[in-house]
Amino acid sequence: MPKIKHLKITNSKKSMNSFFEICDTFNSRMRGLMFRAHPAFLLFEFGLADLNPIHSFFVIFPFDAVYLDSEHKVVAAFEAVSPFTPYLEPNKVNKFLLEAPVGFIKELEIKEGDKLKIELQG
């Protein structure tokens, strides 16, 4: 059963609330957005801070991907990752990954170097 948490993501003065599926196990991280009919909000927590590459095989829609370090600083932001992208890796070590529907990065005006605040809601 997936872990779902209501989170508030804030970047400077812009914020958004949404339900995020928490991907903190090997199986949940491996599945990610694969085999889903629609985009979803996912928060990956990797066991180790590393480069943590992803792919979008078996993902049938584009999505935004935001890599964060252990202090929630944006180390890479990829807009509209295409379905079936074979390999996507940031240039910097990361601990977390946000995957979200296309438009997430633009809506919050996310760019590399920003620090995001992630809060659990009610």
Foldseek 3Di string as FASTA:
>chain_A
DWDKFWKWKAFVHDIDTDIETEAEDPVSVQCPQAPDPDWGKYKYFDPDFAQDKDFQERRQFFKKKFFAAPQQATQDIDARDDHGGPIDTGPGTGGMMIIGHGPPCVRNVDDHGIHMDMDTDD
